[in-house]
Amino acid sequence: MNKYHYEYKDDGEVKYCYPGTQVLVNKFNIRNAQQLNVAEREITIIKAAVLADTITGGFDLVHLKSIHKFLFEDIYEWAGQLRTVDIAKGNIICLVPFIEMQFSELYRKLKKDHFLKGETDSGYVAEKIAYYLSEINVIHPFREGNGRTQRIFCQQLCKNTGCFYLDFSMADEKEMLEASMDSFMCNYKKMEILIGKCLKKNK
């Protein structure tokens, strides 16, 4: 589940959570957060294993939403849909009215970078993927499942180089958390180092 302990506005919980709880309404009607976490993890691990060959796209918001839908459609009715509640933690996280606009700006930069097609410089690729992963995380488009969705998106972006792939098993949760927190303040160095460690050259 959410390891960043984000807080959502109360009115949003009426839609997303069971009354009086912070447990997300789910297709299994699981009312225990820990049990839902286990079910969610088991399902998305299986889904993620086949997703790279199932969901492709042009690295736009439709592509990102398609990844999220595929991962979570067996669990949540709103899989693949943008969140409709703001995250109540200062103004670091993108507000709902600006999600699409902010992603459009990010897509413009991705397009300018030719979606990393044909890039062979590992340092450059690590720098770019660190930036895009960090910025998608700040946009935080979905109510749940952002981390898994954006990592797969970036794995596909890396694969688009034709030269590298990303193995996120090389990074632990503490490293990812610290790198993500720094990137919220536009300090991407830790994320770049993390991505560099996960970046592998095709055989």
N, C-alpha and C. Protein backbone atom coordinates (compact mmCIF):
# COMPACT_ATOMS: atom_id res chain seq x y z
N MET A 1 0.85 -1.19 0.00
CA MET A 1 0.00 0.00 0.00
C MET A 1 0.89 1.24 0.00
N ASN A 2 0.37 2.35 0.45
CA ASN A 2 1.06 3.61 0.35
C ASN A 2 2.14 3.76 1.40
N LYS A 3 3.42 3.72 1.01
CA LYS A 3 4.53 3.80 1.95
C LYS A 3 4.93 5.23 2.25
N TYR A 4 4.31 6.20 1.59
CA TYR A 4 4.66 7.60 1.81
C TYR A 4 3.72 8.27 2.79
N HIS A 5 2.70 7.57 3.22
CA HIS A 5 1.76 8.08 4.21
C HIS A 5 1.14 9.42 3.78
N TYR A 6 0.70 9.47 2.54
CA TYR A 6 0.01 10.66 2.07
C TYR A 6 -1.34 10.77 2.77
N GLU A 7 -1.82 11.97 2.92
CA GLU A 7 -3.12 12.20 3.52
C GLU A 7 -4.04 12.83 2.48
N TYR A 8 -5.25 12.32 2.41
CA TYR A 8 -6.21 12.80 1.43
C TYR A 8 -7.33 13.55 2.13
N LYS A 9 -7.93 14.49 1.43
CA LYS A 9 -9.02 15.26 2.02
C LYS A 9 -10.19 14.35 2.38
N ASP A 10 -10.84 14.63 3.50
CA ASP A 10 -11.88 13.76 4.03
C ASP A 10 -13.02 13.51 3.05
N ASP A 11 -13.39 14.53 2.28
CA ASP A 11 -14.51 14.35 1.37
C ASP A 11 -14.20 13.29 0.31
N GLY A 12 -12.92 13.15 0.00
CA GLY A 12 -12.54 12.14 -0.98
C GLY A 12 -12.66 10.73 -0.44
N GLU A 13 -12.46 10.56 0.86
CA GLU A 13 -12.52 9.23 1.43
C GLU A 13 -13.93 8.65 1.35
N VAL A 14 -14.93 9.50 1.28
CA VAL A 14 -16.30 9.04 1.14
C VAL A 14 -16.45 8.23 -0.14
N LYS A 15 -15.75 8.65 -1.19
CA LYS A 15 -15.82 7.96 -2.47
C LYS A 15 -14.90 6.73 -2.50
N TYR A 16 -13.70 6.87 -2.01
CA TYR A 16 -12.69 5.85 -2.20
C TYR A 16 -12.62 4.80 -1.10
N CYS A 17 -13.03 5.13 0.11
CA CYS A 17 -12.82 4.24 1.25
C CYS A 17 -14.13 3.77 1.89
N TYR A 18 -14.05 2.65 2.57
CA TYR A 18 -15.20 2.20 3.35
C TYR A 18 -15.46 3.19 4.48
N PRO A 19 -16.73 3.44 4.80
CA PRO A 19 -17.08 4.45 5.82
C PRO A 19 -16.31 4.27 7.12
N GLY A 20 -15.74 5.36 7.60
CA GLY A 20 -15.03 5.34 8.87
C GLY A 20 -13.67 4.68 8.84
N THR A 21 -13.16 4.35 7.64
CA THR A 21 -11.86 3.70 7.52
C THR A 21 -11.03 4.39 6.43
N GLN A 22 -9.80 3.96 6.32
CA GLN A 22 -8.95 4.38 5.21
C GLN A 22 -8.64 3.19 4.30
N VAL A 23 -9.48 2.18 4.37
CA VAL A 23 -9.35 1.01 3.51
C VAL A 23 -10.09 1.27 2.21
N LEU A 24 -9.40 1.16 1.11
CA LEU A 24 -10.00 1.45 -0.19
C LEU A 24 -11.08 0.42 -0.54
N VAL A 25 -12.19 0.90 -1.04
CA VAL A 25 -13.25 0.01 -1.52
C VAL A 25 -12.68 -0.84 -2.65
N ASN A 26 -12.86 -2.14 -2.56
CA ASN A 26 -12.25 -3.04 -3.53
C ASN A 26 -13.23 -4.13 -3.96
N LYS A 27 -12.92 -4.77 -5.07
CA LYS A 27 -13.82 -5.75 -5.66
C LYS A 27 -13.93 -7.03 -4.82
N PHE A 28 -13.00 -7.23 -3.90
CA PHE A 28 -13.04 -8.41 -3.03
C PHE A 28 -13.76 -8.11 -1.72
N ASN A 29 -14.13 -6.85 -1.54
CA ASN A 29 -14.77 -6.39 -0.30
C ASN A 29 -13.91 -6.70 0.93
N ILE A 30 -12.61 -6.62 0.76
CA ILE A 30 -11.68 -6.80 1.88
C ILE A 30 -11.71 -5.53 2.72
N ARG A 31 -11.98 -5.67 4.01
CA ARG A 31 -12.10 -4.50 4.89
C ARG A 31 -10.88 -4.30 5.78
N ASN A 32 -9.90 -5.18 5.67
CA ASN A 32 -8.70 -5.09 6.49
C ASN A 32 -7.55 -4.59 5.60
N ALA A 33 -6.89 -3.51 6.03
CA ALA A 33 -5.86 -2.87 5.22
C ALA A 33 -4.69 -3.81 4.91
N GLN A 34 -4.27 -4.59 5.90
CA GLN A 34 -3.14 -5.50 5.70
C GLN A 34 -3.49 -6.60 4.71
N GLN A 35 -4.70 -7.14 4.82
CA GLN A 35 -5.13 -8.19 3.90
C GLN A 35 -5.25 -7.65 2.47
N LEU A 36 -5.75 -6.42 2.37
CA LEU A 36 -5.87 -5.80 1.04
C LEU A 36 -4.48 -5.58 0.44
N ASN A 37 -3.56 -5.18 1.29
CA ASN A 37 -2.18 -4.96 0.84
C ASN A 37 -1.59 -6.24 0.25
N VAL A 38 -1.82 -7.36 0.93
CA VAL A 38 -1.29 -8.65 0.47
C VAL A 38 -1.93 -9.03 -0.87
N ALA A 39 -3.25 -8.92 -0.95
CA ALA A 39 -3.97 -9.28 -2.19
C ALA A 39 -3.52 -8.40 -3.35
N GLU A 40 -3.40 -7.12 -3.07
CA GLU A 40 -2.99 -6.16 -4.10
C GLU A 40 -1.60 -6.49 -4.62
N ARG A 41 -0.69 -6.77 -3.68
CA ARG A 41 0.69 -7.07 -4.06
C ARG A 41 0.76 -8.35 -4.90
N GLU A 42 0.05 -9.39 -4.48
CA GLU A 42 0.10 -10.66 -5.19
C GLU A 42 -0.45 -10.53 -6.61
N ILE A 43 -1.54 -9.79 -6.75
CA ILE A 43 -2.15 -9.63 -8.07
C ILE A 43 -1.28 -8.78 -8.98
N THR A 44 -0.78 -7.67 -8.47
CA THR A 44 -0.01 -6.77 -9.33
C THR A 44 1.35 -7.34 -9.71
N ILE A 45 1.93 -8.20 -8.86
CA ILE A 45 3.19 -8.85 -9.23
C ILE A 45 2.99 -9.73 -10.46
N ILE A 46 1.90 -10.49 -10.45
CA ILE A 46 1.59 -11.35 -11.60
C ILE A 46 1.30 -10.52 -12.83
N LYS A 47 0.52 -9.46 -12.65
CA LYS A 47 0.16 -8.59 -13.77
C LYS A 47 1.40 -7.92 -14.35
N ALA A 48 2.26 -7.42 -13.49
CA ALA A 48 3.45 -6.70 -13.94
C ALA A 48 4.38 -7.59 -14.75
N ALA A 49 4.38 -8.90 -14.42
CA ALA A 49 5.26 -9.83 -15.11
C ALA A 49 4.93 -9.97 -16.59
N VAL A 50 3.68 -9.74 -16.94
CA VAL A 50 3.27 -9.89 -18.35
C VAL A 50 2.93 -8.55 -18.99
N LEU A 51 2.99 -7.47 -18.22
CA LEU A 51 2.52 -6.18 -18.71
C LEU A 51 3.38 -5.62 -19.84
N ALA A 52 4.69 -5.81 -19.77
CA ALA A 52 5.59 -5.22 -20.76
C ALA A 52 5.24 -5.64 -22.18
N ASP A 53 4.72 -6.85 -22.32
CA ASP A 53 4.36 -7.35 -23.64
C ASP A 53 2.87 -7.18 -23.93
N THR A 54 2.15 -6.57 -22.99
CA THR A 54 0.70 -6.44 -23.13
C THR A 54 0.27 -5.00 -23.37
N ILE A 55 0.85 -4.08 -22.62
CA ILE A 55 0.51 -2.66 -22.72
C ILE A 55 1.67 -1.89 -23.32
N THR A 56 1.42 -1.26 -24.44
CA THR A 56 2.40 -0.37 -25.05
C THR A 56 1.70 0.94 -25.38
N GLY A 57 2.47 1.93 -25.77
CA GLY A 57 1.86 3.21 -26.10
C GLY A 57 2.90 4.25 -26.45
N GLY A 58 2.45 5.49 -26.54
CA GLY A 58 3.32 6.58 -26.97
C GLY A 58 3.86 7.41 -25.85
N PHE A 59 3.86 6.86 -24.64
CA PHE A 59 4.38 7.55 -23.45
C PHE A 59 3.62 8.83 -23.12
N ASP A 60 2.35 8.83 -23.45
CA ASP A 60 1.46 9.93 -23.07
C ASP A 60 0.64 9.51 -21.86
N LEU A 61 -0.31 10.36 -21.46
CA LEU A 61 -1.11 10.05 -20.28
C LEU A 61 -2.00 8.83 -20.51
N VAL A 62 -2.46 8.64 -21.73
CA VAL A 62 -3.26 7.45 -22.06
C VAL A 62 -2.45 6.18 -21.81
N HIS A 63 -1.20 6.22 -22.17
CA HIS A 63 -0.29 5.09 -21.94
C HIS A 63 -0.15 4.80 -20.45
N LEU A 64 0.08 5.84 -19.66
CA LEU A 64 0.23 5.68 -18.22
C LEU A 64 -1.06 5.12 -17.59
N LYS A 65 -2.19 5.64 -18.01
CA LYS A 65 -3.48 5.18 -17.50
C LYS A 65 -3.75 3.72 -17.88
N SER A 66 -3.30 3.33 -19.06
CA SER A 66 -3.48 1.95 -19.51
C SER A 66 -2.69 0.98 -18.63
N ILE A 67 -1.49 1.39 -18.25
CA ILE A 67 -0.67 0.57 -17.36
C ILE A 67 -1.38 0.40 -16.01
N HIS A 68 -1.86 1.51 -15.46
CA HIS A 68 -2.55 1.47 -14.17
C HIS A 68 -3.80 0.60 -14.24
N LYS A 69 -4.55 0.74 -15.30
CA LYS A 69 -5.78 -0.05 -15.45
C LYS A 69 -5.46 -1.54 -15.49
N PHE A 70 -4.46 -1.92 -16.26
CA PHE A 70 -4.10 -3.33 -16.37
C PHE A 70 -3.66 -3.90 -15.02
N LEU A 71 -2.88 -3.11 -14.29
CA LEU A 71 -2.38 -3.58 -12.99
C LEU A 71 -3.48 -3.76 -11.96
N PHE A 72 -4.46 -2.84 -11.94
CA PHE A 72 -5.38 -2.76 -10.81
C PHE A 72 -6.85 -3.03 -11.15
N GLU A 73 -7.17 -3.37 -12.39
CA GLU A 73 -8.57 -3.53 -12.77
C GLU A 73 -9.26 -4.69 -12.06
N ASP A 74 -8.51 -5.66 -11.57
CA ASP A 74 -9.11 -6.77 -10.83
C ASP A 74 -9.39 -6.42 -9.38
N ILE A 75 -8.90 -5.25 -8.96
CA ILE A 75 -9.01 -4.86 -7.55
C ILE A 75 -9.92 -3.66 -7.34
N TYR A 76 -9.77 -2.63 -8.18
CA TYR A 76 -10.49 -1.37 -7.98
C TYR A 76 -11.31 -0.99 -9.21
N GLU A 77 -12.51 -0.49 -8.97
CA GLU A 77 -13.38 -0.05 -10.06
C GLU A 77 -12.78 1.14 -10.81
N TRP A 78 -12.00 1.95 -10.11
CA TRP A 78 -11.46 3.18 -10.69
C TRP A 78 -10.07 2.99 -11.30
N ALA A 79 -9.66 1.77 -11.51
CA ALA A 79 -8.35 1.51 -12.12
C ALA A 79 -8.24 2.22 -13.46
N GLY A 80 -7.14 2.91 -13.67
CA GLY A 80 -6.93 3.63 -14.92
C GLY A 80 -7.53 5.01 -14.96
N GLN A 81 -8.18 5.42 -13.87
CA GLN A 81 -8.80 6.74 -13.81
C GLN A 81 -7.97 7.67 -12.92
N LEU A 82 -7.90 8.94 -13.31
CA LEU A 82 -7.16 9.92 -12.51
C LEU A 82 -7.87 10.14 -11.18
N ARG A 83 -7.09 10.41 -10.14
CA ARG A 83 -7.69 10.67 -8.83
C ARG A 83 -8.55 11.93 -8.87
N THR A 84 -9.54 11.97 -8.01
CA THR A 84 -10.45 13.12 -7.93
C THR A 84 -10.35 13.82 -6.59
N VAL A 85 -9.33 13.47 -5.80
CA VAL A 85 -9.11 14.11 -4.50
C VAL A 85 -7.69 14.65 -4.44
N ASP A 86 -7.54 15.78 -3.78
CA ASP A 86 -6.21 16.35 -3.58
C ASP A 86 -5.52 15.66 -2.42
N ILE A 87 -4.20 15.67 -2.47
CA ILE A 87 -3.41 15.11 -1.40
C ILE A 87 -3.08 16.24 -0.44
N ALA A 88 -3.52 16.09 0.79
CA ALA A 88 -3.41 17.18 1.78
C ALA A 88 -2.06 17.14 2.47
N LYS A 89 -1.02 17.52 1.75
CA LYS A 89 0.32 17.54 2.32
C LYS A 89 1.08 18.71 1.71
N GLY A 90 0.69 19.94 2.11
CA GLY A 90 1.29 21.12 1.52
C GLY A 90 0.89 21.24 0.06
N ASN A 91 1.70 21.89 -0.73
CA ASN A 91 1.40 22.03 -2.15
C ASN A 91 2.49 21.40 -3.01
N ILE A 92 3.15 20.35 -2.45
CA ILE A 92 4.19 19.65 -3.21
C ILE A 92 3.56 18.79 -4.30
N ILE A 93 2.50 18.06 -3.95
CA ILE A 93 1.84 17.16 -4.90
C ILE A 93 0.88 17.96 -5.77
N CYS A 94 0.83 17.60 -7.04
CA CYS A 94 -0.01 18.28 -8.01
C CYS A 94 -1.49 18.24 -7.59
N LEU A 95 -2.16 19.37 -7.66
CA LEU A 95 -3.59 19.44 -7.37
C LEU A 95 -4.38 18.84 -8.53
N VAL A 96 -5.53 18.29 -8.21
CA VAL A 96 -6.35 17.58 -9.20
C VAL A 96 -6.59 18.38 -10.49
N PRO A 97 -6.96 19.67 -10.43
CA PRO A 97 -7.25 20.39 -11.67
C PRO A 97 -6.06 20.52 -12.62
N PHE A 98 -4.84 20.27 -12.12
CA PHE A 98 -3.65 20.50 -12.93
C PHE A 98 -2.95 19.22 -13.36
N ILE A 99 -3.51 18.05 -13.00
CA ILE A 99 -2.86 16.78 -13.33
C ILE A 99 -2.62 16.64 -14.83
N GLU A 100 -3.66 16.81 -15.61
CA GLU A 100 -3.53 16.63 -17.07
C GLU A 100 -2.61 17.67 -17.68
N MET A 101 -2.70 18.90 -17.22
CA MET A 101 -1.86 19.97 -17.75
C MET A 101 -0.39 19.70 -17.44
N GLN A 102 -0.10 19.27 -16.20
CA GLN A 102 1.28 19.00 -15.81
C GLN A 102 1.85 17.81 -16.58
N PHE A 103 1.01 16.79 -16.80
CA PHE A 103 1.52 15.65 -17.55
C PHE A 103 1.73 16.03 -19.02
N SER A 104 0.89 16.90 -19.54
CA SER A 104 1.08 17.36 -20.93
C SER A 104 2.41 18.06 -21.10
N GLU A 105 2.79 18.85 -20.09
CA GLU A 105 4.08 19.53 -20.13
C GLU A 105 5.21 18.53 -20.06
N LEU A 106 5.05 17.50 -19.23
CA LEU A 106 6.07 16.46 -19.14
C LEU A 106 6.17 15.68 -20.44
N TYR A 107 5.03 15.42 -21.06
CA TYR A 107 5.01 14.72 -22.34
C TYR A 107 5.73 15.53 -23.42
N ARG A 108 5.55 16.84 -23.38
CA ARG A 108 6.24 17.71 -24.34
C ARG A 108 7.75 17.54 -24.23
N LYS A 109 8.26 17.43 -22.98
CA LYS A 109 9.69 17.23 -22.77
C LYS A 109 10.12 15.83 -23.23
N LEU A 110 9.29 14.83 -22.95
CA LEU A 110 9.58 13.47 -23.41
C LEU A 110 9.69 13.42 -24.93
N LYS A 111 8.76 14.10 -25.58
CA LYS A 111 8.77 14.14 -27.05
C LYS A 111 10.02 14.83 -27.56
N LYS A 112 10.40 15.91 -26.91
CA LYS A 112 11.61 16.63 -27.29
C LYS A 112 12.84 15.75 -27.13
N ASP A 113 12.80 14.86 -26.14
CA ASP A 113 13.90 13.90 -25.93
C ASP A 113 13.75 12.65 -26.78
N HIS A 114 12.79 12.67 -27.70
CA HIS A 114 12.54 11.56 -28.63
C HIS A 114 12.28 10.25 -27.88
N PHE A 115 11.70 10.38 -26.66
CA PHE A 115 11.36 9.22 -25.84
C PHE A 115 12.57 8.30 -25.63
N LEU A 116 13.76 8.92 -25.65
CA LEU A 116 15.04 8.25 -25.43
C LEU A 116 15.37 7.19 -26.49
N LYS A 117 14.69 7.24 -27.60
CA LYS A 117 14.90 6.26 -28.67
C LYS A 117 16.34 6.27 -29.15
N GLY A 118 16.97 5.10 -29.09
CA GLY A 118 18.32 4.95 -29.62
C GLY A 118 19.44 5.49 -28.75
N GLU A 119 19.13 5.97 -27.55
CA GLU A 119 20.17 6.52 -26.68
C GLU A 119 21.09 5.41 -26.17
N THR A 120 22.40 5.67 -26.24
CA THR A 120 23.38 4.67 -25.83
C THR A 120 24.25 5.12 -24.66
N ASP A 121 24.10 6.36 -24.23
CA ASP A 121 24.88 6.90 -23.11
C ASP A 121 24.17 6.57 -21.80
N SER A 122 24.74 5.68 -21.00
CA SER A 122 24.07 5.22 -19.78
C SER A 122 23.87 6.36 -18.78
N GLY A 123 24.82 7.27 -18.68
CA GLY A 123 24.70 8.40 -17.77
C GLY A 123 23.55 9.31 -18.15
N TYR A 124 23.43 9.57 -19.43
CA TYR A 124 22.34 10.42 -19.93
C TYR A 124 20.99 9.75 -19.70
N VAL A 125 20.91 8.46 -20.00
CA VAL A 125 19.65 7.72 -19.82
C VAL A 125 19.25 7.71 -18.35
N ALA A 126 20.20 7.47 -17.46
CA ALA A 126 19.90 7.46 -16.02
C ALA A 126 19.41 8.83 -15.55
N GLU A 127 20.05 9.88 -16.04
CA GLU A 127 19.65 11.24 -15.67
C GLU A 127 18.23 11.54 -16.12
N LYS A 128 17.92 11.19 -17.36
CA LYS A 128 16.59 11.48 -17.91
C LYS A 128 15.51 10.66 -17.22
N ILE A 129 15.75 9.37 -17.02
CA ILE A 129 14.73 8.53 -16.40
C ILE A 129 14.52 8.95 -14.94
N ALA A 130 15.58 9.33 -14.26
CA ALA A 130 15.45 9.83 -12.89
C ALA A 130 14.54 11.05 -12.85
N TYR A 131 14.72 11.93 -13.81
CA TYR A 131 13.90 13.14 -13.87
C TYR A 131 12.43 12.79 -14.13
N TYR A 132 12.18 11.96 -15.14
CA TYR A 132 10.80 11.65 -15.51
C TYR A 132 10.09 10.84 -14.42
N LEU A 133 10.79 9.91 -13.82
CA LEU A 133 10.19 9.14 -12.72
C LEU A 133 9.81 10.07 -11.57
N SER A 134 10.71 10.99 -11.25
CA SER A 134 10.47 11.92 -10.15
C SER A 134 9.29 12.84 -10.43
N GLU A 135 9.21 13.34 -11.65
CA GLU A 135 8.16 14.29 -11.99
C GLU A 135 6.78 13.61 -12.07
N ILE A 136 6.73 12.39 -12.56
CA ILE A 136 5.45 11.67 -12.56
C ILE A 136 5.00 11.41 -11.14
N ASN A 137 5.97 11.14 -10.26
CA ASN A 137 5.63 10.91 -8.86
C ASN A 137 5.05 12.16 -8.22
N VAL A 138 5.57 13.32 -8.57
CA VAL A 138 5.05 14.58 -8.05
C VAL A 138 3.63 14.83 -8.57
N ILE A 139 3.38 14.49 -9.82
CA ILE A 139 2.03 14.62 -10.38
C ILE A 139 1.08 13.65 -9.67
N HIS A 140 1.57 12.44 -9.37
CA HIS A 140 0.81 11.46 -8.59
C HIS A 140 -0.62 11.30 -9.13
N PRO A 141 -0.77 10.80 -10.34
CA PRO A 141 -2.07 10.86 -11.01
C PRO A 141 -3.19 10.02 -10.40
N PHE A 142 -2.85 8.97 -9.66
CA PHE A 142 -3.86 8.02 -9.22
C PHE A 142 -4.03 8.00 -7.70
N ARG A 143 -5.18 7.52 -7.26
CA ARG A 143 -5.46 7.46 -5.83
C ARG A 143 -4.58 6.44 -5.12
N GLU A 144 -4.20 5.40 -5.82
CA GLU A 144 -3.33 4.36 -5.27
C GLU A 144 -2.60 3.71 -6.44
N GLY A 145 -1.41 3.19 -6.18
CA GLY A 145 -0.69 2.45 -7.20
C GLY A 145 0.21 3.29 -8.09
N ASN A 146 0.52 4.50 -7.67
CA ASN A 146 1.36 5.37 -8.49
C ASN A 146 2.77 4.81 -8.67
N GLY A 147 3.38 4.34 -7.59
CA GLY A 147 4.75 3.87 -7.66
C GLY A 147 4.94 2.74 -8.65
N ARG A 148 4.11 1.73 -8.55
CA ARG A 148 4.22 0.59 -9.46
C ARG A 148 3.97 1.00 -10.90
N THR A 149 2.98 1.86 -11.10
CA THR A 149 2.64 2.29 -12.47
C THR A 149 3.76 3.09 -13.09
N GLN A 150 4.31 4.04 -12.36
CA GLN A 150 5.35 4.90 -12.94
C GLN A 150 6.66 4.14 -13.14
N ARG A 151 6.94 3.15 -12.30
CA ARG A 151 8.16 2.37 -12.51
C ARG A 151 8.06 1.54 -13.79
N ILE A 152 6.90 0.95 -14.05
CA ILE A 152 6.73 0.19 -15.28
C ILE A 152 6.77 1.11 -16.49
N PHE A 153 6.16 2.28 -16.37
CA PHE A 153 6.22 3.28 -17.44
C PHE A 153 7.69 3.59 -17.77
N CYS A 154 8.50 3.79 -16.74
CA CYS A 154 9.91 4.13 -16.95
C CYS A 154 10.72 2.93 -17.43
N GLN A 155 10.32 1.72 -17.04
CA GLN A 155 10.97 0.54 -17.59
C GLN A 155 10.72 0.44 -19.10
N GLN A 156 9.51 0.77 -19.51
CA GLN A 156 9.20 0.76 -20.94
C GLN A 156 9.92 1.89 -21.66
N LEU A 157 10.05 3.03 -21.00
CA LEU A 157 10.80 4.15 -21.58
C LEU A 157 12.26 3.75 -21.76
N CYS A 158 12.82 3.07 -20.76
CA CYS A 158 14.20 2.60 -20.84
C CYS A 158 14.35 1.58 -21.97
N LYS A 159 13.41 0.68 -22.07
CA LYS A 159 13.43 -0.34 -23.13
C LYS A 159 13.42 0.31 -24.51
N ASN A 160 12.80 1.50 -24.60
CA ASN A 160 12.70 2.21 -25.87
C ASN A 160 14.06 2.66 -26.39
N THR A 161 15.07 2.70 -25.52
CA THR A 161 16.42 3.04 -25.98
C THR A 161 16.95 1.97 -26.93
N GLY A 162 16.48 0.73 -26.73
CA GLY A 162 16.99 -0.38 -27.52
C GLY A 162 18.34 -0.88 -27.03
N CYS A 163 18.81 -0.26 -25.94
CA CYS A 163 20.15 -0.57 -25.45
C CYS A 163 20.18 -0.99 -23.98
N PHE A 164 19.18 -0.52 -23.21
CA PHE A 164 19.18 -0.75 -21.77
C PHE A 164 17.84 -1.29 -21.28
N TYR A 165 17.87 -1.84 -20.05
CA TYR A 165 16.65 -2.17 -19.34
C TYR A 165 16.84 -1.80 -17.88
N LEU A 166 15.73 -1.64 -17.16
CA LEU A 166 15.76 -1.26 -15.75
C LEU A 166 15.38 -2.44 -14.88
N ASP A 167 16.20 -2.72 -13.89
CA ASP A 167 15.92 -3.77 -12.93
C ASP A 167 15.78 -3.13 -11.54
N PHE A 168 14.55 -2.82 -11.15
CA PHE A 168 14.32 -2.12 -9.90
C PHE A 168 14.57 -2.99 -8.67
N SER A 169 14.79 -4.28 -8.87
CA SER A 169 15.11 -5.13 -7.73
C SER A 169 16.48 -4.79 -7.16
N MET A 170 17.26 -4.02 -7.90
CA MET A 170 18.58 -3.61 -7.44
C MET A 170 18.51 -2.48 -6.41
N ALA A 171 17.34 -1.89 -6.23
CA ALA A 171 17.17 -0.80 -5.27
C ALA A 171 16.21 -1.22 -4.18
N ASP A 172 16.51 -0.87 -2.93
CA ASP A 172 15.59 -1.22 -1.85
C ASP A 172 14.61 -0.07 -1.58
N GLU A 173 13.61 -0.36 -0.76
CA GLU A 173 12.55 0.62 -0.50
C GLU A 173 13.08 1.88 0.17
N LYS A 174 14.05 1.73 1.06
CA LYS A 174 14.60 2.89 1.75
C LYS A 174 15.27 3.83 0.76
N GLU A 175 16.04 3.27 -0.17
CA GLU A 175 16.70 4.09 -1.18
C GLU A 175 15.68 4.83 -2.04
N MET A 176 14.64 4.11 -2.45
CA MET A 176 13.62 4.73 -3.29
C MET A 176 12.89 5.83 -2.55
N LEU A 177 12.59 5.59 -1.28
CA LEU A 177 11.90 6.60 -0.48
C LEU A 177 12.74 7.85 -0.33
N GLU A 178 14.02 7.68 0.01
CA GLU A 178 14.90 8.84 0.19
C GLU A 178 15.08 9.61 -1.11
N ALA A 179 15.26 8.88 -2.21
CA ALA A 179 15.43 9.52 -3.51
C ALA A 179 14.16 10.27 -3.91
N SER A 180 13.01 9.68 -3.63
CA SER A 180 11.73 10.31 -3.97
C SER A 180 11.51 11.58 -3.16
N MET A 181 11.83 11.53 -1.88
CA MET A 181 11.64 12.70 -1.03
C MET A 181 12.54 13.85 -1.48
N ASP A 182 13.78 13.54 -1.85
CA ASP A 182 14.67 14.58 -2.37
C ASP A 182 14.15 15.16 -3.68
N SER A 183 13.62 14.28 -4.53
CA SER A 183 13.16 14.74 -5.84
C SER A 183 11.94 15.65 -5.75
N PHE A 184 11.17 15.54 -4.64
CA PHE A 184 10.06 16.46 -4.43
C PHE A 184 10.56 17.91 -4.36
N MET A 185 11.82 18.06 -3.93
CA MET A 185 12.43 19.38 -3.81
C MET A 185 13.35 19.68 -5.01
N CYS A 186 13.12 18.94 -6.10
CA CYS A 186 13.87 19.12 -7.36
C CYS A 186 15.36 18.78 -7.20
N ASN A 187 15.67 17.93 -6.26
CA ASN A 187 17.03 17.42 -6.11
C ASN A 187 17.00 15.97 -6.61
N TYR A 188 17.49 15.75 -7.81
CA TYR A 188 17.34 14.46 -8.47
C TYR A 188 18.57 13.57 -8.35
N LYS A 189 19.60 14.01 -7.64
CA LYS A 189 20.86 13.28 -7.63
C LYS A 189 20.72 11.86 -7.08
N LYS A 190 20.03 11.70 -5.94
CA LYS A 190 19.86 10.36 -5.36
C LYS A 190 19.07 9.45 -6.30
N MET A 191 18.06 10.02 -6.95
CA MET A 191 17.28 9.22 -7.90
C MET A 191 18.13 8.82 -9.09
N GLU A 192 18.97 9.74 -9.54
CA GLU A 192 19.86 9.44 -10.67
C GLU A 192 20.82 8.31 -10.32
N ILE A 193 21.37 8.34 -9.09
CA ILE A 193 22.27 7.29 -8.64
C ILE A 193 21.52 5.95 -8.56
N LEU A 194 20.29 6.00 -8.02
CA LEU A 194 19.47 4.80 -7.91
C LEU A 194 19.18 4.20 -9.29
N ILE A 195 18.78 5.06 -10.23
CA ILE A 195 18.47 4.58 -11.58
C ILE A 195 19.74 4.03 -12.23
N GLY A 196 20.86 4.69 -12.00
CA GLY A 196 22.12 4.21 -12.56
C GLY A 196 22.45 2.81 -12.07
N LYS A 197 22.13 2.52 -10.81
CA LYS A 197 22.38 1.20 -10.26
C LYS A 197 21.43 0.15 -10.88
N CYS A 198 20.24 0.58 -11.22
CA CYS A 198 19.23 -0.34 -11.78
C CYS A 198 19.35 -0.50 -13.29
N LEU A 199 20.12 0.39 -13.92
CA LEU A 199 20.24 0.40 -15.37
C LEU A 199 21.19 -0.71 -15.83
N LYS A 200 20.70 -1.56 -16.70
CA LYS A 200 21.50 -2.67 -17.20
C LYS A 200 21.54 -2.63 -18.74
N LYS A 201 22.68 -3.00 -19.27
CA LYS A 201 22.84 -3.01 -20.72
C LYS A 201 22.32 -4.32 -21.29
N ASN A 202 21.60 -4.24 -22.40
CA ASN A 202 21.09 -5.44 -23.05
C ASN A 202 22.26 -6.34 -23.48
N LYS A 203 22.03 -7.62 -23.36
CA LYS A 203 23.06 -8.57 -23.77
C LYS A 203 22.97 -8.82 -25.27
